[in-house]
Amino acid sequence: MEKNRSPIEAICASPIGLGCMRLTTLPDEEAVRRLVDTALENGIRLFDHADIYNAGASEALFGRAIPPSYRDRILLQSKCSIRPGVCYDLSREHILESVEGSLKRLGTDHLDLLLLHRPDALAEPEEVAEAFAQLRQSGKVLAFGVSNHSPMQIELLNRACGGQIRVNQIQMSLAHCPGIDAGFHVNMEDSFACSRGGDILSYSRLQGIKLQAWSPFQYGSFRGSFIGNAQFPALNKALSAMAEKYGITENAVAIAWLLRHPAVITPIVGTMNPERLKGIAAAAGVRLSREDWYALYLAAGKDLP
């Protein structure tokens, strides 16, 4: 990590992150290194993991494939709390155990960022705070955040954790942005007016909490990509036009749309194709005009009052 830069500032220096959930679909460790090299060559330094991704196999593959010499060049984050088929668990013991497992699999002595993957209804904020304190004091985790948490859930945790929650990773894309939709339809009676996240965008900006967007090419809940999807003819026509205008790919346009938002959102992309990743990374060098940003929003089937 750069000297004189906080962990969160360092993480935000990577405008796009690479999600490693599908890493095990690559044929071998050489392919993993090639993907990571492509990411680094194109300004992507943040690599997003979770202890549940392929039951830890994605972290283990990353740890085997990436030499220790890369560690100062990459930013590693992982997530914990999901016990598949059992429950969500944010007990002190489970957090500490999960981090130990991730560190061992990734072959590193510390995470740059640990996210609490899903809210646990039985979580005791004081236990979470104890786990954070132990991890920070031992140097095993440099910074903390959450994923899929509402503003009030973050407030509850931060009261015990002394404001250490600095990141929230949420699902967000051109075709899935209920927080933006509700912001346009305040005090109206249509479906867009429903605030399903407690105004995460405004809250995050007020509190200095950085947002990450998972599934930035997806619509609905794991229903598929809108890129090249016949269900979104107007949106794909607009993406194609913008791609030609800005000299980037349609995927990059969709990422540039997220990057244009003043909440400083970091998209987490999941492609395992180095050439596609290179094309997506070009979004960081593009700033959509206000008119083009709204044109894409409307093309996605949204409405402005």
C-alpha atoms as a PDB file:
ATOM      1  CA  MET A   1       0.000   0.000   0.000  1.00  0.00           C
ATOM      2  CA  GLU A   2       1.183   3.524  -0.778  1.00  0.00           C
ATOM      3  CA  LYS A   3       2.804   5.384   2.107  1.00  0.00           C
ATOM      4  CA  ASN A   4       0.776   8.149   3.759  1.00  0.00           C
ATOM      5  CA  ARG A   5      -2.433   6.752   2.296  1.00  0.00           C
ATOM      6  CA  SER A   6      -5.197   5.208   4.412  1.00  0.00           C
ATOM      7  CA  PRO A   7      -6.475   1.712   3.531  1.00  0.00           C
ATOM      8  CA  ILE A   8      -9.748   3.145   2.249  1.00  0.00           C
ATOM      9  CA  GLU A   9      -7.984   5.764   0.116  1.00  0.00           C
ATOM     10  CA  ALA A  10      -5.793   3.042  -1.347  1.00  0.00           C
ATOM     11  CA  ILE A  11      -8.812   0.882  -2.161  1.00  0.00           C
ATOM     12  CA  CYS A  12     -10.615   3.822  -3.765  1.00  0.00           C
ATOM     13  CA  ALA A  13      -7.560   4.436  -5.944  1.00  0.00           C
ATOM     14  CA  SER A  14      -8.704   1.414  -7.947  1.00  0.00           C
ATOM     15  CA  PRO A  15     -11.786   2.767  -9.771  1.00  0.00           C
ATOM     16  CA  ILE A  16     -12.862  -0.765 -10.748  1.00  0.00           C
ATOM     17  CA  GLY A  17     -12.461  -4.019  -8.838  1.00  0.00           C
ATOM     18  CA  LEU A  18     -12.219  -7.581 -10.115  1.00  0.00           C
ATOM     19  CA  GLY A  19     -14.597 -10.078  -8.512  1.00  0.00           C
ATOM     20  CA  CYS A  20     -12.955 -13.474  -8.085  1.00  0.00           C
ATOM     21  CA  MET A  21     -16.015 -15.663  -7.529  1.00  0.00           C
ATOM     22  CA  ARG A  22     -15.638 -17.403 -10.921  1.00  0.00           C
ATOM     23  CA  LEU A  23     -11.883 -17.823 -10.718  1.00  0.00           C
ATOM     24  CA  THR A  24     -12.135 -21.616 -10.668  1.00  0.00           C
ATOM     25  CA  THR A  25     -13.599 -21.567 -14.186  1.00  0.00           C
ATOM     26  CA  LEU A  26     -10.116 -20.714 -15.491  1.00  0.00           C
ATOM     27  CA  PRO A  27      -8.087 -23.689 -16.730  1.00  0.00           C
ATOM     28  CA  ASP A  28      -4.952 -23.251 -14.610  1.00  0.00           C
ATOM     29  CA  GLU A  29      -2.817 -20.974 -12.432  1.00  0.00           C
ATOM     30  CA  GLU A  30      -1.125 -19.439 -15.462  1.00  0.00           C
ATOM     31  CA  ALA A  31      -4.515 -18.225 -16.698  1.00  0.00           C
ATOM     32  CA  VAL A  32      -5.174 -16.660 -13.290  1.00  0.00           C
ATOM     33  CA  ARG A  33      -1.843 -14.801 -13.392  1.00  0.00           C
ATOM     34  CA  ARG A  34      -2.604 -13.614 -16.914  1.00  0.00           C
ATOM     35  CA  LEU A  35      -5.962 -12.238 -15.767  1.00  0.00           C
ATOM     36  CA  VAL A  36      -4.413 -10.501 -12.744  1.00  0.00           C
ATOM     37  CA  ASP A  37      -1.618  -9.059 -14.891  1.00  0.00           C
ATOM     38  CA  THR A  38      -4.199  -7.679 -17.318  1.00  0.00           C
ATOM     39  CA  ALA A  39      -6.072  -6.106 -14.423  1.00  0.00           C
ATOM     40  CA  LEU A  40      -2.947  -4.458 -13.025  1.00  0.00           C
ATOM     41  CA  GLU A  41      -1.837  -3.230 -16.434  1.00  0.00           C
ATOM     42  CA  ASN A  42      -5.205  -1.507 -16.797  1.00  0.00           C
ATOM     43  CA  GLY A  43      -5.434   0.195 -13.417  1.00  0.00           C
ATOM     44  CA  ILE A  44      -7.447  -2.476 -11.572  1.00  0.00           C
ATOM     45  CA  ARG A  45      -5.769  -3.257  -8.241  1.00  0.00           C
ATOM     46  CA  LEU A  46      -8.700  -4.347  -6.071  1.00  0.00           C
ATOM     47  CA  PHE A  47      -9.463  -8.091  -6.007  1.00  0.00           C
ATOM     48  CA  ASP A  48     -12.717  -9.083  -4.358  1.00  0.00           C
ATOM     49  CA  HIS A  49     -13.047 -12.461  -2.636  1.00  0.00           C
ATOM     50  CA  ALA A  50     -15.345 -14.184  -0.144  1.00  0.00           C
ATOM     51  CA  ASP A  51     -14.832 -17.227   2.019  1.00  0.00           C
ATOM     52  CA  ILE A  52     -17.861 -18.916   0.404  1.00  0.00           C
ATOM     53  CA  TYR A  53     -16.793 -18.512  -3.231  1.00  0.00           C
ATOM     54  CA  ASN A  54     -16.571 -22.095  -4.400  1.00  0.00           C
ATOM     55  CA  ALA A  55     -16.217 -23.163  -0.759  1.00  0.00           C
ATOM     56  CA  GLY A  56     -12.887 -21.342  -0.509  1.00  0.00           C
ATOM     57  CA  ALA A  57     -11.475 -22.791  -3.730  1.00  0.00           C
ATOM     58  CA  SER A  58     -11.388 -19.386  -5.462  1.00  0.00           C
ATOM     59  CA  GLU A  59      -9.258 -17.895  -2.691  1.00  0.00           C
ATOM     60  CA  ALA A  60      -6.991 -20.939  -2.654  1.00  0.00           C
ATOM     61  CA  LEU A  61      -6.450 -20.787  -6.419  1.00  0.00           C
ATOM     62  CA  PHE A  62      -5.653 -17.079  -6.236  1.00  0.00           C
ATOM     63  CA  GLY A  63      -3.199 -17.748  -3.411  1.00  0.00           C
ATOM     64  CA  ARG A  64      -1.386 -20.452  -5.389  1.00  0.00           C
ATOM     65  CA  ALA A  65      -1.312 -18.488  -8.629  1.00  0.00           C
ATOM     66  CA  ILE A  66      -0.167 -15.066  -7.449  1.00  0.00           C
ATOM     67  CA  PRO A  67       3.459 -14.809  -6.262  1.00  0.00           C
ATOM     68  CA  PRO A  68       4.242 -12.986  -2.979  1.00  0.00           C
ATOM     69  CA  SER A  69       6.044 -10.329  -5.038  1.00  0.00           C
ATOM     70  CA  TYR A  70       2.638  -9.092  -6.235  1.00  0.00           C
ATOM     71  CA  ARG A  71       1.368  -8.322  -2.731  1.00  0.00           C
ATOM     72  CA  ASP A  72       2.407  -4.664  -2.632  1.00  0.00           C
ATOM     73  CA  ARG A  73       0.740  -4.083  -6.001  1.00  0.00           C
ATOM     74  CA  ILE A  74      -2.634  -5.597  -5.215  1.00  0.00           C
ATOM     75  CA  LEU A  75      -5.437  -4.798  -2.776  1.00  0.00           C
ATOM     76  CA  LEU A  76      -7.171  -7.823  -1.299  1.00  0.00           C
ATOM     77  CA  GLN A  77     -10.631  -7.810   0.202  1.00  0.00           C
ATOM     78  CA  SER A  78     -12.670 -10.751   1.357  1.00  0.00           C
ATOM     79  CA  LYS A  79     -16.076 -11.250   2.919  1.00  0.00           C
ATOM     80  CA  CYS A  80     -17.529 -13.398   5.671  1.00  0.00           C
ATOM     81  CA  SER A  81     -20.831 -14.185   7.462  1.00  0.00           C
ATOM     82  CA  ILE A  82     -22.553 -16.658   5.111  1.00  0.00           C
ATOM     83  CA  ARG A  83     -22.565 -20.270   6.267  1.00  0.00           C
ATOM     84  CA  PRO A  84     -24.122 -21.983   3.220  1.00  0.00           C
ATOM     85  CA  GLY A  85     -27.306 -23.869   3.949  1.00  0.00           C
ATOM     86  CA  VAL A  86     -27.057 -23.019   7.645  1.00  0.00           C
ATOM     87  CA  CYS A  87     -27.302 -19.359   8.560  1.00  0.00           C
ATOM     88  CA  TYR A  88     -25.664 -15.971   8.568  1.00  0.00           C
ATOM     89  CA  ASP A  89     -23.101 -15.673  11.346  1.00  0.00           C
ATOM     90  CA  LEU A  90     -21.460 -12.462  12.564  1.00  0.00           C
ATOM     91  CA  SER A  91     -20.363 -13.860  15.906  1.00  0.00           C
ATOM     92  CA  ARG A  92     -16.894 -12.901  17.053  1.00  0.00           C
ATOM     93  CA  GLU A  93     -15.723 -16.512  16.727  1.00  0.00           C
ATOM     94  CA  HIS A  94     -16.981 -16.937  13.177  1.00  0.00           C
ATOM     95  CA  ILE A  95     -15.500 -13.637  11.951  1.00  0.00           C
ATOM     96  CA  LEU A  96     -12.078 -14.512  13.372  1.00  0.00           C
ATOM     97  CA  GLU A  97     -12.229 -18.065  12.047  1.00  0.00           C
ATOM     98  CA  SER A  98     -13.269 -16.896   8.589  1.00  0.00           C
ATOM     99  CA  VAL A  99     -10.442 -14.377   8.359  1.00  0.00           C
ATOM    100  CA  GLU A 100      -7.874 -16.987   9.401  1.00  0.00           C
ATOM    101  CA  GLY A 101      -9.155 -19.280   6.660  1.00  0.00           C
ATOM    102  CA  SER A 102      -9.069 -16.558   4.010  1.00  0.00           C
ATOM    103  CA  LEU A 103      -5.539 -15.493   4.941  1.00  0.00           C
ATOM    104  CA  LYS A 104      -4.300 -19.075   4.738  1.00  0.00           C
ATOM    105  CA  ARG A 105      -5.959 -19.717   1.386  1.00  0.00           C
ATOM    106  CA  LEU A 106      -4.843 -16.392  -0.116  1.00  0.00           C
ATOM    107  CA  GLY A 107      -1.290 -16.858   1.123  1.00  0.00           C
ATOM    108  CA  THR A 108      -1.077 -13.456   2.781  1.00  0.00           C
ATOM    109  CA  ASP A 109      -0.653 -12.114   6.301  1.00  0.00           C
ATOM    110  CA  HIS A 110      -3.344  -9.445   5.984  1.00  0.00           C
ATOM    111  CA  LEU A 111      -6.474  -8.319   4.172  1.00  0.00           C
ATOM    112  CA  ASP A 112      -6.682  -4.730   3.050  1.00  0.00           C
ATOM    113  CA  LEU A 113     -10.439  -4.822   3.622  1.00  0.00           C
ATOM    114  CA  LEU A 114     -12.866  -7.213   5.285  1.00  0.00           C
ATOM    115  CA  LEU A 115     -16.565  -6.969   4.441  1.00  0.00           C
ATOM    116  CA  LEU A 116     -19.438  -8.458   6.424  1.00  0.00           C
ATOM    117  CA  HIS A 117     -21.166 -10.271   3.570  1.00  0.00           C
ATOM    118  CA  ARG A 118     -24.800 -10.286   4.733  1.00  0.00           C
ATOM    119  CA  PRO A 119     -26.608  -8.902   7.800  1.00  0.00           C
ATOM    120  CA  ASP A 120     -27.042 -11.387  10.648  1.00  0.00           C
ATOM    121  CA  ALA A 121     -30.321 -10.882  12.554  1.00  0.00           C
ATOM    122  CA  LEU A 122     -28.662 -12.360  15.662  1.00  0.00           C
ATOM    123  CA  ALA A 123     -25.514 -10.228  15.432  1.00  0.00           C
ATOM    124  CA  GLU A 124     -24.352  -8.431  18.567  1.00  0.00           C
ATOM    125  CA  PRO A 125     -22.581  -5.210  17.493  1.00  0.00           C
ATOM    126  CA  GLU A 126     -20.279  -5.432  20.503  1.00  0.00           C
ATOM    127  CA  GLU A 127     -19.081  -8.864  19.358  1.00  0.00           C
ATOM    128  CA  VAL A 128     -18.399  -7.517  15.882  1.00  0.00           C
ATOM    129  CA  ALA A 129     -16.451  -4.643  17.449  1.00  0.00           C
ATOM    130  CA  GLU A 130     -14.382  -7.098  19.500  1.00  0.00           C
ATOM    131  CA  ALA A 131     -13.523  -9.079  16.377  1.00  0.00           C
ATOM    132  CA  PHE A 132     -12.584  -5.907  14.500  1.00  0.00           C
ATOM    133  CA  ALA A 133     -10.359  -4.750  17.365  1.00  0.00           C
ATOM    134  CA  GLN A 134      -8.535  -8.069  17.509  1.00  0.00           C
ATOM    135  CA  LEU A 135      -8.041  -8.185  13.744  1.00  0.00           C
ATOM    136  CA  ARG A 136      -6.839  -4.598  13.542  1.00  0.00           C
ATOM    137  CA  GLN A 137      -4.458  -4.912  16.492  1.00  0.00           C
ATOM    138  CA  SER A 138      -2.935  -8.063  15.039  1.00  0.00           C
ATOM    139  CA  GLY A 139      -2.529  -6.389  11.641  1.00  0.00           C
ATOM    140  CA  LYS A 140      -4.587  -9.085   9.947  1.00  0.00           C
ATOM    141  CA  VAL A 141      -7.180  -6.637   8.593  1.00  0.00           C
ATOM    142  CA  LEU A 142      -6.467  -2.991   7.758  1.00  0.00           C
ATOM    143  CA  ALA A 143     -10.018  -1.707   7.146  1.00  0.00           C
ATOM    144  CA  PHE A 144     -13.610  -2.858   7.472  1.00  0.00           C
ATOM    145  CA  GLY A 145     -16.876  -2.624   5.605  1.00  0.00           C
ATOM    146  CA  VAL A 146     -20.134  -4.427   4.896  1.00  0.00           C
ATOM    147  CA  SER A 147     -22.068  -5.787   1.961  1.00  0.00           C
ATOM    148  CA  ASN A 148     -25.829  -5.638   1.394  1.00  0.00           C
ATOM    149  CA  HIS A 149     -26.459  -3.594   4.561  1.00  0.00           C
ATOM    150  CA  SER A 150     -28.973  -0.784   5.037  1.00  0.00           C
ATOM    151  CA  PRO A 151     -28.036   2.626   6.496  1.00  0.00           C
ATOM    152  CA  MET A 152     -29.579   1.825   9.887  1.00  0.00           C
ATOM    153  CA  GLN A 153     -27.827  -1.548  10.050  1.00  0.00           C
ATOM    154  CA  ILE A 154     -24.561   0.279   9.429  1.00  0.00           C
ATOM    155  CA  GLU A 155     -25.423   2.874  12.075  1.00  0.00           C
ATOM    156  CA  LEU A 156     -26.025   0.127  14.625  1.00  0.00           C
ATOM    157  CA  LEU A 157     -22.688  -1.534  13.870  1.00  0.00           C
ATOM    158  CA  ASN A 158     -20.779   1.725  13.749  1.00  0.00           C
ATOM    159  CA  ARG A 159     -22.051   2.791  17.157  1.00  0.00           C
ATOM    160  CA  ALA A 160     -20.179  -0.169  18.642  1.00  0.00           C
ATOM    161  CA  CYS A 161     -17.317  -0.197  16.135  1.00  0.00           C
ATOM    162  CA  GLY A 162     -16.379   3.463  16.408  1.00  0.00           C
ATOM    163  CA  GLY A 163     -17.221   4.317  12.816  1.00  0.00           C
ATOM    164  CA  GLN A 164     -14.961   1.664  11.286  1.00  0.00           C
ATOM    165  CA  ILE A 165     -17.533   0.611   8.660  1.00  0.00           C
ATOM    166  CA  ARG A 166     -16.267   2.541   5.643  1.00  0.00           C
ATOM    167  CA  VAL A 167     -17.487   0.520   2.637  1.00  0.00           C
ATOM    168  CA  ASN A 168     -20.819  -0.993   1.578  1.00  0.00           C
ATOM    169  CA  GLN A 169     -21.007  -3.362  -1.393  1.00  0.00           C
ATOM    170  CA  ILE A 170     -24.490  -3.475  -2.928  1.00  0.00           C
ATOM    171  CA  GLN A 171     -26.066  -4.781  -6.117  1.00  0.00           C
ATOM    172  CA  MET A 172     -26.230  -1.947  -8.619  1.00  0.00           C
ATOM    173  CA  SER A 173     -26.375  -1.563 -12.384  1.00  0.00           C
ATOM    174  CA  LEU A 174     -28.123   0.399 -15.111  1.00  0.00           C
ATOM    175  CA  ALA A 175     -31.001  -2.069 -14.937  1.00  0.00           C
ATOM    176  CA  HIS A 176     -30.972  -2.489 -11.161  1.00  0.00           C
ATOM    177  CA  CYS A 177     -30.698   0.814  -9.314  1.00  0.00           C
ATOM    178  CA  PRO A 178     -33.671   1.153  -6.940  1.00  0.00           C
ATOM    179  CA  GLY A 179     -31.811   3.753  -4.892  1.00  0.00           C
ATOM    180  CA  ILE A 180     -31.601   6.063  -7.901  1.00  0.00           C
ATOM    181  CA  ASP A 181     -35.180   5.287  -8.945  1.00  0.00           C
ATOM    182  CA  ALA A 182     -36.598   6.197  -5.524  1.00  0.00           C
ATOM    183  CA  GLY A 183     -34.603   9.422  -5.508  1.00  0.00           C
ATOM    184  CA  PHE A 184     -36.472  10.633  -8.586  1.00  0.00           C
ATOM    185  CA  HIS A 185     -39.901   9.581  -7.306  1.00  0.00           C
ATOM    186  CA  VAL A 186     -39.971  11.094  -3.832  1.00  0.00           C
ATOM    187  CA  ASN A 187     -43.505  11.371  -2.372  1.00  0.00           C
ATOM    188  CA  MET A 188     -45.102   9.725  -5.382  1.00  0.00           C
ATOM    189  CA  GLU A 189     -47.463   6.748  -5.512  1.00  0.00           C
ATOM    190  CA  ASP A 190     -45.856   4.733  -8.306  1.00  0.00           C
ATOM    191  CA  SER A 191     -43.662   1.654  -7.858  1.00  0.00           C
ATOM    192  CA  PHE A 192     -40.425   3.571  -8.431  1.00  0.00           C
ATOM    193  CA  ALA A 193     -41.120   5.627  -5.299  1.00  0.00           C
ATOM    194  CA  CYS A 194     -40.550   2.637  -3.040  1.00  0.00           C
ATOM    195  CA  SER A 195     -37.240   3.052  -1.207  1.00  0.00           C
ATOM    196  CA  ARG A 196     -35.878  -0.453  -0.774  1.00  0.00           C
ATOM    197  CA  GLY A 197     -32.559   0.491   0.760  1.00  0.00           C
ATOM    198  CA  GLY A 198     -33.174   3.444   3.051  1.00  0.00           C
ATOM    199  CA  ASP A 199     -31.562   5.905   0.618  1.00  0.00           C
ATOM    200  CA  ILE A 200     -28.193   4.167   0.654  1.00  0.00           C
ATOM    201  CA  LEU A 201     -26.738   6.611  -1.865  1.00  0.00           C
ATOM    202  CA  SER A 202     -27.389   9.793   0.101  1.00  0.00           C
ATOM    203  CA  TYR A 203     -26.497   8.165   3.408  1.00  0.00           C
ATOM    204  CA  SER A 204     -23.189   6.897   2.045  1.00  0.00           C
ATOM    205  CA  ARG A 205     -22.245  10.310   0.722  1.00  0.00           C
ATOM    206  CA  LEU A 206     -23.144  11.990   4.004  1.00  0.00           C
ATOM    207  CA  GLN A 207     -21.150   9.488   6.070  1.00  0.00           C
ATOM    208  CA  GLY A 208     -18.170   9.140   3.745  1.00  0.00           C
ATOM    209  CA  ILE A 209     -18.934   5.463   3.138  1.00  0.00           C
ATOM    210  CA  LYS A 210     -17.615   4.196  -0.180  1.00  0.00           C
ATOM    211  CA  LEU A 211     -19.972   2.131  -2.318  1.00  0.00           C
ATOM    212  CA  GLN A 212     -19.038  -0.892  -4.383  1.00  0.00           C
ATOM    213  CA  ALA A 213     -21.431  -2.263  -7.003  1.00  0.00           C
ATOM    214  CA  TRP A 214     -21.699  -6.011  -7.456  1.00  0.00           C
ATOM    215  CA  SER A 215     -23.269  -7.519 -10.602  1.00  0.00           C
ATOM    216  CA  PRO A 216     -22.937  -4.264 -12.593  1.00  0.00           C
ATOM    217  CA  PHE A 217     -24.196  -5.975 -15.782  1.00  0.00           C
ATOM    218  CA  GLN A 218     -27.100  -7.848 -14.202  1.00  0.00           C
ATOM    219  CA  TYR A 219     -30.798  -7.129 -13.927  1.00  0.00           C
ATOM    220  CA  GLY A 220     -33.035  -8.417 -11.155  1.00  0.00           C
ATOM    221  CA  SER A 221     -31.788 -10.959  -8.651  1.00  0.00           C
ATOM    222  CA  PHE A 222     -29.362 -13.158 -10.621  1.00  0.00           C
ATOM    223  CA  ARG A 223     -31.661 -13.111 -13.645  1.00  0.00           C
ATOM    224  CA  GLY A 224     -28.900 -12.480 -16.173  1.00  0.00           C
ATOM    225  CA  SER A 225     -27.040  -9.747 -18.026  1.00  0.00           C
ATOM    226  CA  PHE A 226     -28.790  -6.944 -19.864  1.00  0.00           C
ATOM    227  CA  ILE A 227     -25.877  -6.602 -22.304  1.00  0.00           C
ATOM    228  CA  GLY A 228     -26.986  -8.065 -25.643  1.00  0.00           C
ATOM    229  CA  ASN A 229     -30.251  -9.221 -24.058  1.00  0.00           C
ATOM    230  CA  ALA A 230     -33.301  -9.122 -26.339  1.00  0.00           C
ATOM    231  CA  GLN A 231     -35.431  -8.079 -23.354  1.00  0.00           C
ATOM    232  CA  PHE A 232     -33.630  -4.704 -23.359  1.00  0.00           C
ATOM    233  CA  PRO A 233     -33.680  -3.552 -27.014  1.00  0.00           C
ATOM    234  CA  ALA A 234     -33.749   0.191 -26.275  1.00  0.00           C
ATOM    235  CA  LEU A 235     -30.975  -0.068 -23.711  1.00  0.00           C
ATOM    236  CA  ASN A 236     -28.711  -2.099 -25.973  1.00  0.00           C
ATOM    237  CA  LYS A 237     -29.315   0.318 -28.835  1.00  0.00           C
ATOM    238  CA  ALA A 238     -28.299   3.184 -26.550  1.00  0.00           C
ATOM    239  CA  LEU A 239     -25.268   1.286 -25.249  1.00  0.00           C
ATOM    240  CA  SER A 240     -24.141   0.626 -28.814  1.00  0.00           C
ATOM    241  CA  ALA A 241     -24.518   4.279 -29.755  1.00  0.00           C
ATOM    242  CA  MET A 242     -22.598   5.421 -26.678  1.00  0.00           C
ATOM    243  CA  ALA A 243     -19.895   2.838 -27.291  1.00  0.00           C
ATOM    244  CA  GLU A 244     -19.348   4.254 -30.771  1.00  0.00           C
ATOM    245  CA  LYS A 245     -19.445   7.829 -29.494  1.00  0.00           C
ATOM    246  CA  TYR A 246     -16.878   7.298 -26.723  1.00  0.00           C
ATOM    247  CA  GLY A 247     -14.769   4.668 -28.465  1.00  0.00           C
ATOM    248  CA  ILE A 248     -15.277   1.978 -25.833  1.00  0.00           C
ATOM    249  CA  THR A 249     -17.205  -1.297 -25.515  1.00  0.00           C
ATOM    250  CA  GLU A 250     -20.851  -1.585 -24.488  1.00  0.00           C
ATOM    251  CA  ASN A 251     -19.722  -3.165 -21.223  1.00  0.00           C
ATOM    252  CA  ALA A 252     -17.460  -0.193 -20.561  1.00  0.00           C
ATOM    253  CA  VAL A 253     -20.354   2.195 -21.186  1.00  0.00           C
ATOM    254  CA  ALA A 254     -22.396   0.407 -18.511  1.00  0.00           C
ATOM    255  CA  ILE A 255     -19.482   0.786 -16.095  1.00  0.00           C
ATOM    256  CA  ALA A 256     -18.921   4.425 -17.066  1.00  0.00           C
ATOM    257  CA  TRP A 257     -22.580   5.040 -16.182  1.00  0.00           C
ATOM    258  CA  LEU A 258     -21.897   3.880 -12.613  1.00  0.00           C
ATOM    259  CA  LEU A 259     -18.614   5.776 -12.391  1.00  0.00           C
ATOM    260  CA  ARG A 260     -20.381   8.997 -13.406  1.00  0.00           C
ATOM    261  CA  HIS A 261     -22.455   9.028 -10.223  1.00  0.00           C
ATOM    262  CA  PRO A 262     -21.051  11.436  -7.583  1.00  0.00           C
ATOM    263  CA  ALA A 263     -21.269   8.760  -4.868  1.00  0.00           C
ATOM    264  CA  VAL A 264     -17.903   7.504  -6.238  1.00  0.00           C
ATOM    265  CA  ILE A 265     -19.065   3.944  -6.840  1.00  0.00           C
ATOM    266  CA  THR A 266     -16.520   1.176  -7.463  1.00  0.00           C
ATOM    267  CA  PRO A 267     -17.977  -1.460  -9.827  1.00  0.00           C
ATOM    268  CA  ILE A 268     -16.891  -5.037  -9.089  1.00  0.00           C
ATOM    269  CA  VAL A 269     -16.761  -6.835 -12.430  1.00  0.00           C
ATOM    270  CA  GLY A 270     -16.661 -10.616 -12.690  1.00  0.00           C
ATOM    271  CA  THR A 271     -15.316 -11.353 -16.162  1.00  0.00           C
ATOM    272  CA  MET A 272     -12.601 -13.978 -16.417  1.00  0.00           C
ATOM    273  CA  ASN A 273     -11.720 -12.930 -19.986  1.00  0.00           C
ATOM    274  CA  PRO A 274      -8.576 -10.735 -20.097  1.00  0.00           C
ATOM    275  CA  GLU A 275      -9.559  -9.002 -23.348  1.00  0.00           C
ATOM    276  CA  ARG A 276     -13.045  -8.226 -22.069  1.00  0.00           C
ATOM    277  CA  LEU A 277     -11.540  -6.972 -18.811  1.00  0.00           C
ATOM    278  CA  LYS A 278      -9.193  -4.690 -20.735  1.00  0.00           C
ATOM    279  CA  GLY A 279     -12.162  -3.257 -22.610  1.00  0.00           C
ATOM    280  CA  ILE A 280     -14.129  -2.718 -19.403  1.00  0.00           C
ATOM    281  CA  ALA A 281     -11.200  -0.961 -17.739  1.00  0.00           C
ATOM    282  CA  ALA A 282     -11.319   1.750 -20.408  1.00  0.00           C
ATOM    283  CA  ALA A 283     -14.454   3.064 -18.650  1.00  0.00           C
ATOM    284  CA  ALA A 284     -12.226   4.689 -16.031  1.00  0.00           C
ATOM    285  CA  GLY A 285     -10.996   7.136 -18.648  1.00  0.00           C
ATOM    286  CA  VAL A 286     -14.482   8.203 -19.774  1.00  0.00           C
ATOM    287  CA  ARG A 287     -16.848  10.719 -18.205  1.00  0.00           C
ATOM    288  CA  LEU A 288     -20.335  10.508 -19.640  1.00  0.00           C
ATOM    289  CA  SER A 289     -22.140  13.766 -20.272  1.00  0.00           C
ATOM    290  CA  ARG A 290     -25.192  14.501 -18.154  1.00  0.00           C
ATOM    291  CA  GLU A 291     -27.400  14.066 -21.228  1.00  0.00           C
ATOM    292  CA  ASP A 292     -25.892  10.683 -22.071  1.00  0.00           C
ATOM    293  CA  TRP A 293     -26.188   9.452 -18.480  1.00  0.00           C
ATOM    294  CA  TYR A 294     -29.907  10.268 -18.433  1.00  0.00           C
ATOM    295  CA  ALA A 295     -30.424   8.851 -21.917  1.00  0.00           C
ATOM    296  CA  LEU A 296     -29.055   5.493 -20.764  1.00  0.00           C
ATOM    297  CA  TYR A 297     -31.211   5.582 -17.634  1.00  0.00           C
ATOM    298  CA  LEU A 298     -34.360   6.166 -19.670  1.00  0.00           C
ATOM    299  CA  ALA A 299     -33.358   3.525 -22.216  1.00  0.00           C
ATOM    300  CA  ALA A 300     -33.223   1.008 -19.370  1.00  0.00           C
ATOM    301  CA  GLY A 301     -36.999   1.422 -19.018  1.00  0.00           C
ATOM    302  CA  LYS A 302     -36.862   3.930 -16.207  1.00  0.00           C
ATOM    303  CA  ASP A 303     -39.078   6.965 -15.786  1.00  0.00           C
ATOM    304  CA  LEU A 304     -38.583  10.592 -14.863  1.00  0.00           C
ATOM    305  CA  PRO A 305     -41.577  12.313 -13.219  1.00  0.00           C
END
